[in-house]
Amino acid sequence: MKKVAYLLFLMSSIFSFSQVEQNKFNFDDDTESFIAQGGSIKATPKGYITFSPVSNYARIVQSTNYVNANKYKYLHIRISNQSKTNDLLAFSLEGKTSGKIPISTNDGSDFKEYTFKITSDKWSGNVSEFKIFPRNSESKLNEDDGDLIIDYITFSKR
């Protein structure tokens, strides 16, 4: 009986899932639990993820770990945008766009850092899901014409 109880305890420990606080995503040969919706995501040994959109509403989603929104009010993201037409990067909380920033296009091998100041009233407590997505400023959609390569995403106090 003790062996069965111990085995059940071990199995529940192995298969249970708990979120942890994470404010830095460095992508060292790992997607760091980001998933792609409307596209694909791939980690590289160089410490980047490549997001390849295939739909107008493509985005990457982090819903595995949480960010302490009371502590961190800024999102810093370093990217190389391979698209010719996607000239905006958007940040979304609870299904609503919480910020958009202009980004350069056709970056080639150049990387640039962009910063969002997060002011949404939804940004409080432990935020367990956020989305990042490229957009075209004219059509308001993702134009699916190039990858978005992400070096890191970091949340900070400033």
N, C-alpha and C. Protein backbone atom coordinates (compact mmCIF):
# COMPACT_ATOMS: atom_id res chain seq x y z
N MET A 1 0.82 -1.19 0.00
CA MET A 1 0.00 0.00 0.00
C MET A 1 0.87 1.26 0.00
N LYS A 2 1.95 1.24 0.81
CA LYS A 2 2.84 2.39 0.85
C LYS A 2 3.51 2.61 -0.50
N LYS A 3 3.85 1.53 -1.17
CA LYS A 3 4.50 1.65 -2.48
C LYS A 3 3.55 2.28 -3.49
N VAL A 4 2.29 1.90 -3.44
CA VAL A 4 1.30 2.47 -4.36
C VAL A 4 1.12 3.95 -4.08
N ALA A 5 1.00 4.31 -2.82
CA ALA A 5 0.84 5.73 -2.45
C ALA A 5 2.06 6.53 -2.88
N TYR A 6 3.24 5.98 -2.67
CA TYR A 6 4.48 6.67 -3.07
C TYR A 6 4.54 6.83 -4.58
N LEU A 7 4.16 5.80 -5.31
CA LEU A 7 4.15 5.85 -6.77
C LEU A 7 3.17 6.90 -7.27
N LEU A 8 1.99 6.97 -6.67
CA LEU A 8 1.02 8.00 -7.04
C LEU A 8 1.55 9.40 -6.74
N PHE A 9 2.21 9.56 -5.60
CA PHE A 9 2.80 10.85 -5.26
C PHE A 9 3.87 11.24 -6.28
N LEU A 10 4.74 10.31 -6.64
CA LEU A 10 5.78 10.59 -7.64
C LEU A 10 5.18 10.97 -8.98
N MET A 11 4.18 10.25 -9.41
CA MET A 11 3.55 10.54 -10.71
C MET A 11 2.89 11.91 -10.69
N SER A 12 2.22 12.27 -9.59
CA SER A 12 1.58 13.57 -9.55
C SER A 12 2.62 14.68 -9.50
N SER A 13 3.77 14.44 -8.89
CA SER A 13 4.84 15.43 -8.86
C SER A 13 5.44 15.63 -10.24
N ILE A 14 5.62 14.55 -10.95
CA ILE A 14 6.21 14.63 -12.29
C ILE A 14 5.27 15.32 -13.26
N PHE A 15 3.99 15.03 -13.18
CA PHE A 15 3.04 15.53 -14.16
C PHE A 15 2.34 16.83 -13.74
N SER A 16 2.63 17.30 -12.54
CA SER A 16 2.00 18.57 -12.15
C SER A 16 2.76 19.71 -12.79
N PHE A 17 2.08 20.82 -12.97
CA PHE A 17 2.66 21.97 -13.64
C PHE A 17 2.45 23.19 -12.77
N SER A 18 3.50 23.92 -12.57
CA SER A 18 3.35 25.17 -11.83
C SER A 18 4.10 26.27 -12.56
N GLN A 19 3.49 27.43 -12.58
CA GLN A 19 4.12 28.57 -13.22
C GLN A 19 5.18 29.15 -12.29
N VAL A 20 6.18 29.74 -12.90
CA VAL A 20 7.21 30.43 -12.14
C VAL A 20 7.36 31.83 -12.71
N GLU A 21 7.84 32.74 -11.88
CA GLU A 21 8.06 34.10 -12.34
C GLU A 21 9.26 34.12 -13.29
N GLN A 22 9.10 34.83 -14.39
CA GLN A 22 10.19 34.95 -15.36
C GLN A 22 10.08 36.31 -16.03
N ASN A 23 11.13 37.09 -15.95
CA ASN A 23 11.10 38.40 -16.61
C ASN A 23 12.15 38.53 -17.70
N LYS A 24 12.96 37.48 -17.92
CA LYS A 24 13.96 37.49 -18.99
C LYS A 24 13.83 36.22 -19.82
N PHE A 25 13.77 36.42 -21.12
CA PHE A 25 13.69 35.31 -22.07
C PHE A 25 14.86 35.48 -23.05
N ASN A 26 15.88 34.62 -22.91
CA ASN A 26 17.10 34.76 -23.71
C ASN A 26 17.20 33.79 -24.88
N PHE A 27 16.35 32.80 -24.94
CA PHE A 27 16.24 31.87 -26.06
C PHE A 27 17.55 31.15 -26.39
N ASP A 28 18.26 30.72 -25.37
CA ASP A 28 19.49 29.97 -25.59
C ASP A 28 19.16 28.54 -26.02
N ASP A 29 18.98 28.36 -27.31
CA ASP A 29 18.66 27.06 -27.91
C ASP A 29 17.33 26.50 -27.39
N ASP A 30 16.40 27.41 -27.05
CA ASP A 30 15.14 27.01 -26.45
C ASP A 30 14.12 28.12 -26.72
N THR A 31 12.86 27.76 -26.94
CA THR A 31 11.83 28.78 -27.16
C THR A 31 11.34 29.38 -25.85
N GLU A 32 11.83 28.89 -24.72
CA GLU A 32 11.44 29.36 -23.39
C GLU A 32 9.93 29.37 -23.22
N SER A 33 9.30 28.34 -23.74
CA SER A 33 7.86 28.09 -23.62
C SER A 33 6.99 29.06 -24.41
N PHE A 34 7.57 29.85 -25.30
CA PHE A 34 6.74 30.61 -26.23
C PHE A 34 6.20 29.64 -27.26
N ILE A 35 4.98 29.88 -27.70
CA ILE A 35 4.38 29.09 -28.77
C ILE A 35 3.96 30.04 -29.88
N ALA A 36 3.80 29.50 -31.06
CA ALA A 36 3.35 30.30 -32.20
C ALA A 36 1.89 29.97 -32.48
N GLN A 37 1.13 31.00 -32.76
CA GLN A 37 -0.24 30.83 -33.24
C GLN A 37 -0.30 31.50 -34.61
N GLY A 38 -0.72 30.74 -35.62
CA GLY A 38 -0.77 31.28 -36.98
C GLY A 38 0.60 31.36 -37.61
N GLY A 39 1.50 30.52 -37.16
CA GLY A 39 2.85 30.50 -37.71
C GLY A 39 3.67 29.43 -37.01
N SER A 40 4.97 29.50 -37.19
CA SER A 40 5.84 28.54 -36.52
C SER A 40 6.95 29.29 -35.80
N ILE A 41 7.53 28.60 -34.82
CA ILE A 41 8.61 29.18 -34.04
C ILE A 41 9.71 28.14 -33.91
N LYS A 42 10.96 28.62 -34.04
CA LYS A 42 12.08 27.70 -33.97
C LYS A 42 13.22 28.37 -33.21
N ALA A 43 13.81 27.64 -32.27
CA ALA A 43 14.97 28.14 -31.53
C ALA A 43 16.24 27.74 -32.27
N THR A 44 17.26 28.59 -32.17
CA THR A 44 18.55 28.28 -32.80
C THR A 44 19.63 28.21 -31.72
N PRO A 45 20.70 27.49 -31.99
CA PRO A 45 21.81 27.42 -31.02
C PRO A 45 22.47 28.78 -30.78
N LYS A 46 22.26 29.75 -31.66
CA LYS A 46 22.85 31.08 -31.48
C LYS A 46 22.11 31.92 -30.44
N GLY A 47 20.99 31.41 -29.91
CA GLY A 47 20.26 32.15 -28.89
C GLY A 47 19.16 33.03 -29.44
N TYR A 48 18.62 32.69 -30.60
CA TYR A 48 17.51 33.43 -31.19
C TYR A 48 16.33 32.50 -31.34
N ILE A 49 15.14 33.10 -31.47
CA ILE A 49 14.02 32.33 -32.00
C ILE A 49 13.61 33.00 -33.29
N THR A 50 13.17 32.19 -34.22
CA THR A 50 12.68 32.69 -35.49
C THR A 50 11.19 32.41 -35.54
N PHE A 51 10.41 33.48 -35.69
CA PHE A 51 8.97 33.38 -35.80
C PHE A 51 8.62 33.58 -37.27
N SER A 52 7.98 32.57 -37.86
CA SER A 52 7.58 32.60 -39.26
C SER A 52 6.06 32.64 -39.34
N PRO A 53 5.49 33.83 -39.56
CA PRO A 53 4.03 33.94 -39.63
C PRO A 53 3.47 33.38 -40.94
N VAL A 54 2.30 32.75 -40.84
CA VAL A 54 1.63 32.23 -42.04
C VAL A 54 0.17 32.65 -42.12
N SER A 55 -0.26 33.49 -41.19
CA SER A 55 -1.64 33.98 -41.25
C SER A 55 -1.66 35.46 -40.88
N ASN A 56 -2.75 36.12 -41.19
CA ASN A 56 -2.88 37.55 -40.90
C ASN A 56 -2.91 37.88 -39.41
N TYR A 57 -3.20 36.90 -38.58
CA TYR A 57 -3.28 37.14 -37.15
C TYR A 57 -2.22 36.34 -36.38
N ALA A 58 -1.09 36.10 -37.01
CA ALA A 58 -0.02 35.32 -36.40
C ALA A 58 0.60 36.08 -35.22
N ARG A 59 1.00 35.30 -34.20
CA ARG A 59 1.60 35.91 -33.00
C ARG A 59 2.36 34.85 -32.22
N ILE A 60 3.22 35.33 -31.32
CA ILE A 60 3.85 34.41 -30.37
C ILE A 60 3.20 34.66 -29.01
N VAL A 61 3.08 33.58 -28.24
CA VAL A 61 2.34 33.63 -26.98
C VAL A 61 3.18 33.03 -25.87
N GLN A 62 3.23 33.72 -24.74
CA GLN A 62 3.83 33.18 -23.53
C GLN A 62 2.70 33.00 -22.52
N SER A 63 2.42 31.75 -22.18
CA SER A 63 1.37 31.50 -21.18
C SER A 63 1.81 30.43 -20.19
N THR A 64 3.09 30.11 -20.21
CA THR A 64 3.60 29.08 -19.31
C THR A 64 4.05 29.66 -17.98
N ASN A 65 4.77 30.77 -18.03
CA ASN A 65 5.26 31.42 -16.82
C ASN A 65 4.64 32.80 -16.69
N TYR A 66 4.87 33.46 -15.58
CA TYR A 66 4.24 34.76 -15.38
C TYR A 66 5.28 35.85 -15.17
N VAL A 67 4.84 37.09 -15.40
CA VAL A 67 5.64 38.28 -15.15
C VAL A 67 4.97 39.05 -14.03
N ASN A 68 5.75 39.53 -13.08
CA ASN A 68 5.23 40.35 -11.99
C ASN A 68 5.01 41.75 -12.53
N ALA A 69 3.78 42.05 -12.91
CA ALA A 69 3.46 43.33 -13.56
C ALA A 69 3.54 44.50 -12.60
N ASN A 70 3.39 44.26 -11.31
CA ASN A 70 3.52 45.35 -10.34
C ASN A 70 4.97 45.83 -10.24
N LYS A 71 5.89 44.95 -10.57
CA LYS A 71 7.31 45.24 -10.46
C LYS A 71 7.92 45.75 -11.77
N TYR A 72 7.47 45.21 -12.90
CA TYR A 72 8.07 45.52 -14.20
C TYR A 72 7.06 46.22 -15.10
N LYS A 73 7.41 47.41 -15.57
CA LYS A 73 6.50 48.22 -16.39
C LYS A 73 6.97 48.41 -17.83
N TYR A 74 8.14 47.87 -18.16
CA TYR A 74 8.70 48.04 -19.50
C TYR A 74 9.06 46.69 -20.10
N LEU A 75 8.80 46.54 -21.39
CA LEU A 75 9.20 45.37 -22.14
C LEU A 75 10.25 45.82 -23.15
N HIS A 76 11.41 45.17 -23.14
CA HIS A 76 12.48 45.43 -24.10
C HIS A 76 12.59 44.19 -24.98
N ILE A 77 12.62 44.41 -26.27
CA ILE A 77 12.72 43.29 -27.21
C ILE A 77 13.75 43.65 -28.27
N ARG A 78 14.67 42.73 -28.53
CA ARG A 78 15.71 42.93 -29.55
C ARG A 78 15.39 42.00 -30.71
N ILE A 79 15.17 42.61 -31.88
CA ILE A 79 14.71 41.83 -33.04
C ILE A 79 15.46 42.20 -34.31
N SER A 80 15.33 41.31 -35.27
CA SER A 80 15.72 41.57 -36.65
C SER A 80 14.48 41.24 -37.49
N ASN A 81 13.88 42.26 -38.07
CA ASN A 81 12.64 42.10 -38.83
C ASN A 81 12.99 41.83 -40.30
N GLN A 82 12.62 40.67 -40.80
CA GLN A 82 12.92 40.30 -42.17
C GLN A 82 11.80 40.67 -43.14
N SER A 83 10.72 41.20 -42.62
CA SER A 83 9.56 41.56 -43.44
C SER A 83 9.80 42.86 -44.20
N LYS A 84 9.20 42.96 -45.38
CA LYS A 84 9.24 44.19 -46.17
C LYS A 84 8.11 45.14 -45.79
N THR A 85 7.04 44.59 -45.21
CA THR A 85 5.84 45.41 -44.98
C THR A 85 5.37 45.49 -43.54
N ASN A 86 5.72 44.55 -42.69
CA ASN A 86 5.30 44.61 -41.29
C ASN A 86 6.16 45.63 -40.56
N ASP A 87 5.58 46.80 -40.31
CA ASP A 87 6.34 47.92 -39.75
C ASP A 87 5.88 48.31 -38.35
N LEU A 88 5.10 47.43 -37.71
CA LEU A 88 4.67 47.64 -36.32
C LEU A 88 4.89 46.36 -35.53
N LEU A 89 5.14 46.53 -34.26
CA LEU A 89 5.18 45.40 -33.34
C LEU A 89 4.15 45.71 -32.26
N ALA A 90 3.29 44.76 -31.97
CA ALA A 90 2.21 44.97 -31.01
C ALA A 90 2.36 44.03 -29.83
N PHE A 91 1.85 44.47 -28.70
CA PHE A 91 1.85 43.72 -27.44
C PHE A 91 0.41 43.60 -27.00
N SER A 92 -0.01 42.40 -26.60
CA SER A 92 -1.42 42.16 -26.27
C SER A 92 -1.56 41.47 -24.92
N LEU A 93 -2.59 41.91 -24.19
CA LEU A 93 -2.97 41.30 -22.92
C LEU A 93 -4.45 40.97 -22.95
N GLU A 94 -4.79 39.78 -22.53
CA GLU A 94 -6.20 39.36 -22.45
C GLU A 94 -6.98 39.66 -23.72
N GLY A 95 -6.35 39.42 -24.86
CA GLY A 95 -7.03 39.57 -26.15
C GLY A 95 -7.14 41.00 -26.66
N LYS A 96 -6.56 41.96 -25.96
CA LYS A 96 -6.63 43.36 -26.40
C LYS A 96 -5.24 43.91 -26.60
N THR A 97 -5.04 44.60 -27.70
CA THR A 97 -3.76 45.22 -27.97
C THR A 97 -3.49 46.29 -26.93
N SER A 98 -2.35 46.18 -26.27
CA SER A 98 -2.00 47.10 -25.20
C SER A 98 -0.90 48.07 -25.60
N GLY A 99 -0.41 47.95 -26.79
CA GLY A 99 0.62 48.86 -27.26
C GLY A 99 1.14 48.45 -28.61
N LYS A 100 1.51 49.44 -29.42
CA LYS A 100 2.12 49.21 -30.73
C LYS A 100 3.29 50.17 -30.85
N ILE A 101 4.37 49.68 -31.44
CA ILE A 101 5.51 50.55 -31.69
C ILE A 101 5.97 50.36 -33.14
N PRO A 102 6.43 51.43 -33.78
CA PRO A 102 6.95 51.29 -35.13
C PRO A 102 8.30 50.57 -35.10
N ILE A 103 8.51 49.71 -36.10
CA ILE A 103 9.79 48.99 -36.22
C ILE A 103 10.28 49.13 -37.66
N SER A 104 11.56 48.95 -37.83
CA SER A 104 12.14 49.02 -39.17
C SER A 104 11.81 47.73 -39.93
N THR A 105 11.94 47.77 -41.23
CA THR A 105 11.70 46.60 -42.08
C THR A 105 13.00 46.25 -42.79
N ASN A 106 13.06 45.05 -43.35
CA ASN A 106 14.22 44.59 -44.11
C ASN A 106 15.53 44.75 -43.34
N ASP A 107 15.55 44.27 -42.10
CA ASP A 107 16.73 44.47 -41.26
C ASP A 107 17.94 43.64 -41.68
N GLY A 108 17.74 42.60 -42.46
CA GLY A 108 18.88 41.74 -42.82
C GLY A 108 19.46 41.11 -41.58
N SER A 109 20.76 41.30 -41.35
CA SER A 109 21.40 40.70 -40.17
C SER A 109 21.48 41.68 -38.99
N ASP A 110 20.93 42.88 -39.15
CA ASP A 110 20.97 43.87 -38.07
C ASP A 110 19.88 43.60 -37.04
N PHE A 111 20.23 43.79 -35.78
CA PHE A 111 19.27 43.68 -34.68
C PHE A 111 19.08 45.05 -34.05
N LYS A 112 17.85 45.32 -33.63
CA LYS A 112 17.53 46.59 -32.98
C LYS A 112 16.69 46.31 -31.75
N GLU A 113 16.90 47.12 -30.71
CA GLU A 113 16.10 46.98 -29.49
C GLU A 113 14.97 48.00 -29.51
N TYR A 114 13.79 47.52 -29.11
CA TYR A 114 12.60 48.36 -29.01
C TYR A 114 12.06 48.22 -27.59
N THR A 115 11.37 49.27 -27.12
CA THR A 115 10.85 49.27 -25.75
C THR A 115 9.38 49.66 -25.76
N PHE A 116 8.58 48.86 -25.06
CA PHE A 116 7.18 49.19 -24.78
C PHE A 116 7.09 49.68 -23.35
N LYS A 117 6.43 50.79 -23.11
CA LYS A 117 6.03 51.17 -21.75
C LYS A 117 4.62 50.64 -21.58
N ILE A 118 4.43 49.72 -20.66
CA ILE A 118 3.14 49.04 -20.51
C ILE A 118 2.26 49.84 -19.56
N THR A 119 1.17 50.37 -20.08
CA THR A 119 0.28 51.22 -19.28
C THR A 119 -1.13 50.65 -19.14
N SER A 120 -1.38 49.50 -19.69
CA SER A 120 -2.72 48.90 -19.63
C SER A 120 -3.16 48.63 -18.19
N ASP A 121 -4.45 48.84 -17.93
CA ASP A 121 -4.97 48.52 -16.59
C ASP A 121 -4.98 47.01 -16.35
N LYS A 122 -4.83 46.22 -17.40
CA LYS A 122 -4.74 44.75 -17.27
C LYS A 122 -3.36 44.32 -16.78
N TRP A 123 -2.38 45.24 -16.83
CA TRP A 123 -1.01 44.92 -16.44
C TRP A 123 -0.86 45.15 -14.94
N SER A 124 -1.28 44.16 -14.16
CA SER A 124 -1.14 44.23 -12.70
C SER A 124 -1.12 42.81 -12.16
N GLY A 125 -0.50 42.66 -11.00
CA GLY A 125 -0.40 41.34 -10.40
C GLY A 125 0.54 40.45 -11.19
N ASN A 126 0.28 39.17 -11.18
CA ASN A 126 1.07 38.20 -11.93
C ASN A 126 0.39 37.93 -13.27
N VAL A 127 0.95 38.45 -14.33
CA VAL A 127 0.38 38.28 -15.67
C VAL A 127 0.91 36.98 -16.26
N SER A 128 0.00 36.07 -16.54
CA SER A 128 0.41 34.75 -17.00
C SER A 128 0.24 34.54 -18.50
N GLU A 129 -0.21 35.56 -19.22
CA GLU A 129 -0.26 35.41 -20.68
C GLU A 129 -0.11 36.77 -21.34
N PHE A 130 0.78 36.80 -22.32
CA PHE A 130 0.92 37.97 -23.17
C PHE A 130 1.28 37.50 -24.57
N LYS A 131 1.00 38.36 -25.54
CA LYS A 131 1.25 38.04 -26.94
C LYS A 131 2.02 39.18 -27.60
N ILE A 132 2.86 38.81 -28.54
CA ILE A 132 3.62 39.78 -29.33
C ILE A 132 3.40 39.42 -30.79
N PHE A 133 3.13 40.45 -31.61
CA PHE A 133 2.88 40.14 -33.02
C PHE A 133 3.27 41.30 -33.92
N PRO A 134 3.78 40.96 -35.12
CA PRO A 134 4.09 41.98 -36.12
C PRO A 134 2.83 42.36 -36.87
N ARG A 135 2.78 43.62 -37.33
CA ARG A 135 1.63 44.10 -38.09
C ARG A 135 2.10 45.09 -39.15
N ASN A 136 1.25 45.26 -40.15
CA ASN A 136 1.45 46.28 -41.17
C ASN A 136 0.60 47.48 -40.77
N SER A 137 1.18 48.67 -40.75
CA SER A 137 0.45 49.84 -40.26
C SER A 137 -0.71 50.24 -41.17
N GLU A 138 -0.65 49.86 -42.44
CA GLU A 138 -1.75 50.22 -43.35
C GLU A 138 -2.90 49.23 -43.27
N SER A 139 -2.61 47.95 -43.35
CA SER A 139 -3.69 46.95 -43.36
C SER A 139 -4.11 46.52 -41.95
N LYS A 140 -3.28 46.81 -40.95
CA LYS A 140 -3.50 46.41 -39.55
C LYS A 140 -3.39 44.90 -39.35
N LEU A 141 -2.90 44.19 -40.38
CA LEU A 141 -2.73 42.74 -40.30
C LEU A 141 -1.26 42.38 -40.46
N ASN A 142 -0.96 41.12 -40.22
CA ASN A 142 0.37 40.60 -40.50
C ASN A 142 0.40 40.27 -41.98
N GLU A 143 1.38 40.78 -42.68
CA GLU A 143 1.44 40.56 -44.13
C GLU A 143 2.17 39.28 -44.53
N ASP A 144 2.64 38.50 -43.60
CA ASP A 144 3.22 37.17 -43.86
C ASP A 144 4.36 37.17 -44.86
N ASP A 145 5.12 38.22 -44.92
CA ASP A 145 6.15 38.25 -45.97
C ASP A 145 7.57 38.18 -45.44
N GLY A 146 7.76 37.77 -44.22
CA GLY A 146 9.12 37.64 -43.70
C GLY A 146 9.12 37.27 -42.23
N ASP A 147 10.22 36.65 -41.81
CA ASP A 147 10.36 36.20 -40.44
C ASP A 147 10.66 37.35 -39.48
N LEU A 148 10.39 37.11 -38.23
CA LEU A 148 10.78 38.00 -37.15
C LEU A 148 11.74 37.20 -36.28
N ILE A 149 12.98 37.65 -36.21
CA ILE A 149 14.00 36.95 -35.42
C ILE A 149 14.16 37.71 -34.11
N ILE A 150 13.99 36.99 -33.00
CA ILE A 150 14.01 37.62 -31.68
C ILE A 150 15.22 37.12 -30.90
N ASP A 151 16.03 38.07 -30.45
CA ASP A 151 17.21 37.77 -29.66
C ASP A 151 16.85 37.63 -28.18
N TYR A 152 16.08 38.58 -27.66
CA TYR A 152 15.65 38.48 -26.27
C TYR A 152 14.40 39.33 -26.03
N ILE A 153 13.72 38.99 -24.95
CA ILE A 153 12.60 39.77 -24.42
C ILE A 153 12.86 39.91 -22.93
N THR A 154 12.88 41.14 -22.44
CA THR A 154 13.15 41.39 -21.03
C THR A 154 12.15 42.40 -20.50
N PHE A 155 11.65 42.14 -19.32
CA PHE A 155 10.79 43.08 -18.61
C PHE A 155 11.64 43.76 -17.54
N SER A 156 11.47 45.09 -17.40
CA SER A 156 12.28 45.81 -16.43
C SER A 156 11.47 46.90 -15.74
N LYS A 157 12.09 47.50 -14.72
CA LYS A 157 11.45 48.60 -14.00
C LYS A 157 11.49 49.90 -14.79
N ARG A 158 12.46 50.02 -15.70
CA ARG A 158 12.54 51.18 -16.61
C ARG A 158 13.20 50.81 -17.90
